[in-house]
Amino acid sequence: MTAIRLLLVDDDPLVRAGLSFMLGGADDVEIVGEAADGDQVEALVDRTRPDVVLMDIRMPVVDGLTATERLRSRPDAPQIVVLTTFHADEQVLRALRAGAAGFVLKDTPPAEILDAVRRVAAGDPVLSPAVTRRLMAHAAGGTADTRRTRARARVTALNDREREVAVAVGRGMANAAIAAELFMSVATVKTHVSRILAKLDLDNRVQIALLAHDAGLLDEYGEEAR
């Protein structure tokens, strides 16, 4: 099996050393580079071609949010997992909107960080239902009317079934759970998710969840995040 190519980005050399020690020992992970600031990331990505970038948010020159936005705007961009000390702050939300595939806390056990890297490399965003609900609740406090209006205009591109799937994704449900609740196969759920991403020009399920929340779909379908 081809090893997951991983790039570490954090301004703290001790954090980078710890992550390199913890993750580099796995048989299926190869640490292809380290960066101390977001301004170094694009050149390193060009040189090392990582599959996944583990990205700190707060860095002195170019922060992780800006670096994430720059990377995700490129063709064939790597997947990005945000490293943070906060469960749900505005910067994390902005990183997810920019296309990050999820986030992990810096005090997360090593095995869980490794699992997050593997999941993101396989195309599975790193947000549990509980974390998704916290993010939705946090976003609710600062969601502007203009964001709601824009989001509702975008989701008009979805048909009724796709809206139901988007709501389920917004609730943090996995494909198997969505399939059981909506009486369809897992393959059909995956097809709907792919169509939603294409129609709405989104990168991943996290962005579907955020857009579904912004548009008020969870309220509309009687499934407001709790």
Protein backbone atom coordinates (compact mmCIF):
# COMPACT_ATOMS: atom_id res chain seq x y z
CA MET A 1 0.00 0.00 0.00
CA THR A 2 1.29 3.46 -0.89
CA ALA A 3 2.16 5.52 2.18
CA ILE A 4 0.23 8.70 2.95
CA ARG A 5 2.49 11.65 2.23
CA LEU A 6 2.14 14.08 5.14
CA LEU A 7 3.35 17.68 5.51
CA LEU A 8 3.56 19.17 9.03
CA VAL A 9 3.02 22.92 9.51
CA ASP A 10 3.47 24.47 12.97
CA ASP A 11 5.57 27.35 14.27
CA ASP A 12 6.54 25.43 17.43
CA PRO A 13 9.52 23.14 16.73
CA LEU A 14 8.63 20.96 19.73
CA VAL A 15 5.14 20.38 18.36
CA ARG A 16 6.56 19.50 14.94
CA ALA A 17 9.08 17.13 16.52
CA GLY A 18 6.37 15.45 18.56
CA LEU A 19 4.06 15.05 15.58
CA SER A 20 6.90 13.74 13.42
CA PHE A 21 7.83 11.19 16.10
CA MET A 22 4.23 10.11 16.67
CA LEU A 23 3.09 9.93 13.06
CA GLY A 24 6.31 9.08 11.24
CA GLY A 25 6.50 5.71 12.97
CA ALA A 26 3.37 4.44 11.25
CA ASP A 27 3.98 2.07 8.36
CA ASP A 28 1.46 3.85 6.14
CA VAL A 29 2.59 7.45 6.76
CA GLU A 30 5.61 9.25 5.33
CA ILE A 31 6.56 12.69 6.67
CA VAL A 32 7.63 14.48 3.50
CA GLY A 33 8.35 17.90 4.98
CA GLU A 34 7.93 20.40 7.80
CA ALA A 35 7.15 24.12 7.73
CA ALA A 36 7.45 26.67 10.52
CA ASP A 37 5.02 29.17 8.99
CA GLY A 38 2.27 29.41 6.43
CA ASP A 39 4.45 31.43 4.06
CA GLN A 40 6.56 28.31 3.46
CA VAL A 41 3.67 25.98 2.66
CA GLU A 42 3.06 26.49 -1.06
CA ALA A 43 6.70 26.01 -2.02
CA LEU A 44 6.90 22.88 0.14
CA VAL A 45 3.71 21.49 -1.37
CA ASP A 46 5.14 22.03 -4.86
CA ARG A 47 8.32 20.23 -3.86
CA THR A 48 6.98 17.37 -1.75
CA ARG A 49 3.46 16.73 -3.19
CA PRO A 50 1.79 15.72 0.10
CA ASP A 51 -1.56 13.96 0.29
CA VAL A 52 -2.40 15.60 3.61
CA VAL A 53 -1.26 18.79 5.36
CA LEU A 54 -1.53 19.02 9.14
CA MET A 55 -1.89 22.80 9.55
CA ASP A 56 -1.57 24.94 12.67
CA ILE A 57 -3.96 27.91 12.73
CA ARG A 58 -1.95 30.52 14.60
CA MET A 59 1.44 31.34 13.05
CA PRO A 60 3.32 34.66 13.06
CA VAL A 61 3.79 35.56 9.37
CA VAL A 62 1.09 33.76 7.36
CA ASP A 63 -1.54 32.07 9.50
CA GLY A 64 -3.00 28.64 8.81
CA LEU A 65 -6.28 30.07 7.59
CA THR A 66 -4.63 32.10 4.82
CA ALA A 67 -2.37 29.17 3.92
CA THR A 68 -5.42 26.87 3.76
CA GLU A 69 -7.29 29.27 1.47
CA ARG A 70 -4.29 29.53 -0.83
CA LEU A 71 -3.76 25.79 -1.02
CA ARG A 72 -7.41 24.85 -1.51
CA SER A 73 -7.73 27.33 -4.41
CA ARG A 74 -5.09 25.39 -6.35
CA PRO A 75 -5.78 22.45 -8.67
CA ASP A 76 -5.01 19.04 -7.14
CA ALA A 77 -4.80 20.60 -3.67
CA PRO A 78 -3.86 18.32 -0.77
CA GLN A 79 -6.35 17.59 1.98
CA ILE A 80 -5.89 19.80 5.05
CA VAL A 81 -6.48 19.02 8.71
CA VAL A 82 -6.41 22.05 10.98
CA LEU A 83 -4.52 21.87 14.28
CA THR A 84 -6.06 24.00 17.01
CA THR A 85 -6.27 24.44 20.76
CA PHE A 86 -9.97 25.39 20.55
CA HIS A 87 -13.01 23.17 19.98
CA ALA A 88 -14.93 25.72 17.90
CA ASP A 89 -13.76 29.22 17.26
CA GLU A 90 -14.34 31.54 14.32
CA GLN A 91 -10.95 30.75 12.80
CA VAL A 92 -11.72 27.03 12.71
CA LEU A 93 -15.05 27.75 11.02
CA ARG A 94 -13.35 29.95 8.43
CA ALA A 95 -10.77 27.25 7.75
CA LEU A 96 -13.53 24.69 7.21
CA ARG A 97 -15.36 27.06 4.88
CA ALA A 98 -12.11 27.51 2.98
CA GLY A 99 -11.94 23.77 2.32
CA ALA A 100 -10.15 22.15 5.27
CA ALA A 101 -11.34 18.56 5.70
CA GLY A 102 -11.63 18.86 9.47
CA PHE A 103 -9.72 19.68 12.59
CA VAL A 104 -8.02 18.02 15.54
CA LEU A 105 -7.10 19.47 18.89
CA LYS A 106 -3.43 19.67 19.76
CA ASP A 107 -4.02 17.60 22.90
CA THR A 108 -5.70 14.80 20.93
CA PRO A 109 -4.15 11.36 21.66
CA PRO A 110 -1.57 10.34 19.02
CA ALA A 111 -3.62 7.36 17.83
CA GLU A 112 -6.57 9.64 17.10
CA ILE A 113 -4.42 12.14 15.18
CA LEU A 114 -3.05 9.26 13.11
CA ASP A 115 -6.61 8.03 12.50
CA ALA A 116 -7.60 11.55 11.40
CA VAL A 117 -4.77 11.66 8.86
CA ARG A 118 -5.78 8.26 7.48
CA ARG A 119 -9.45 9.19 7.26
CA VAL A 120 -8.81 12.47 5.49
CA ALA A 121 -6.45 10.78 3.04
CA ALA A 122 -9.30 8.36 2.27
CA GLY A 123 -11.73 11.24 1.65
CA ASP A 124 -13.55 11.09 4.99
CA PRO A 125 -13.69 14.46 6.82
CA VAL A 126 -12.69 14.55 10.46
CA LEU A 127 -15.73 15.82 12.31
CA SER A 128 -17.76 13.69 14.68
CA PRO A 129 -21.51 14.35 15.01
CA ALA A 130 -20.88 15.95 18.42
CA VAL A 131 -18.24 18.29 17.04
CA THR A 132 -20.47 19.11 14.06
CA ARG A 133 -23.30 20.10 16.40
CA ARG A 134 -20.95 22.34 18.41
CA LEU A 135 -19.74 24.01 15.23
CA MET A 136 -23.27 24.55 13.98
CA ALA A 137 -24.30 26.07 17.31
CA HIS A 138 -21.23 28.31 17.32
CA ALA A 139 -21.87 29.45 13.77
CA ALA A 140 -25.49 30.25 14.57
CA GLY A 141 -24.56 33.10 16.85
CA GLY A 142 -22.73 35.01 14.13
CA THR A 143 -24.56 34.04 10.96
CA ALA A 144 -25.51 37.22 9.13
CA ASP A 145 -28.70 37.68 7.14
CA THR A 146 -26.62 38.11 3.99
CA ARG A 147 -24.99 34.73 4.54
CA ARG A 148 -28.40 33.12 4.97
CA THR A 149 -29.68 34.77 1.79
CA ARG A 150 -26.68 33.67 -0.27
CA ALA A 151 -26.80 30.14 1.11
CA ARG A 152 -30.51 29.75 0.39
CA ALA A 153 -29.94 30.93 -3.17
CA ARG A 154 -27.23 28.32 -3.65
CA VAL A 155 -29.21 25.36 -2.33
CA THR A 156 -32.02 26.00 -4.82
CA ALA A 157 -29.82 23.99 -7.19
CA LEU A 158 -30.58 20.85 -5.15
CA ASN A 159 -33.58 18.60 -5.67
CA ASP A 160 -35.64 17.36 -2.72
CA ARG A 161 -33.66 14.16 -2.21
CA GLU A 162 -30.36 15.99 -2.35
CA ARG A 163 -31.64 18.44 0.24
CA GLU A 164 -32.52 15.56 2.55
CA VAL A 165 -29.02 14.16 2.17
CA ALA A 166 -27.49 17.62 2.75
CA VAL A 167 -29.50 17.95 5.97
CA ALA A 168 -28.29 14.52 7.13
CA VAL A 169 -24.70 15.51 6.37
CA GLY A 170 -25.33 18.72 8.32
CA ARG A 171 -26.36 16.62 11.30
CA GLY A 172 -23.00 14.83 11.16
CA MET A 173 -24.37 11.51 9.97
CA ALA A 174 -22.16 8.95 8.22
CA ASN A 175 -23.18 7.45 4.88
CA ALA A 176 -24.43 4.20 6.42
CA ALA A 177 -26.66 6.07 8.86
CA ILE A 178 -28.01 8.31 6.10
CA ALA A 179 -28.75 5.25 3.97
CA ALA A 180 -30.69 3.60 6.80
CA GLU A 181 -32.69 6.74 7.64
CA LEU A 182 -33.56 7.66 4.05
CA PHE A 183 -34.08 4.06 2.84
CA MET A 184 -31.42 4.03 0.15
CA SER A 185 -28.18 2.18 -0.47
CA VAL A 186 -24.83 3.52 0.73
CA ALA A 187 -23.76 3.74 -2.92
CA THR A 188 -26.77 5.95 -3.66
CA VAL A 189 -25.92 8.20 -0.71
CA LYS A 190 -22.37 8.58 -2.03
CA THR A 191 -23.77 9.48 -5.45
CA HIS A 192 -26.03 12.14 -3.93
CA VAL A 193 -23.13 13.58 -1.91
CA SER A 194 -20.97 13.75 -5.04
CA ARG A 195 -23.76 15.53 -6.91
CA ILE A 196 -24.26 18.00 -4.06
CA LEU A 197 -20.54 18.82 -4.04
CA ALA A 198 -20.55 19.34 -7.80
CA LYS A 199 -23.75 21.41 -7.92
CA LEU A 200 -22.71 23.68 -5.06
CA ASP A 201 -19.01 23.85 -6.01
CA LEU A 202 -17.91 22.57 -2.60
CA ASP A 203 -14.82 20.61 -1.60
CA ASN A 204 -16.07 18.25 1.09
CA ARG A 205 -18.85 17.16 3.46
CA VAL A 206 -17.85 19.70 6.07
CA GLN A 207 -18.71 22.51 3.66
CA ILE A 208 -22.03 20.81 2.87
CA ALA A 209 -22.82 20.81 6.59
CA LEU A 210 -21.94 24.47 7.00
CA LEU A 211 -23.92 25.53 3.94
CA ALA A 212 -26.94 23.48 5.03
CA HIS A 213 -26.81 25.26 8.37
CA ASP A 214 -26.35 28.70 6.82
CA ALA A 215 -29.33 28.13 4.52
CA GLY A 216 -31.54 27.08 7.41
CA LEU A 217 -32.15 23.60 5.98
CA LEU A 218 -31.79 21.95 9.37
CA ASP A 219 -34.59 24.18 10.72
CA GLU A 220 -36.66 23.69 7.56
CA TYR A 221 -36.54 19.90 7.88
CA GLY A 222 -37.18 19.98 11.62
CA GLU A 223 -33.68 18.72 12.46
CA GLU A 224 -31.99 21.68 14.04
CA ALA A 225 -28.57 20.72 15.43
CA ARG A 226 -28.69 20.11 19.13
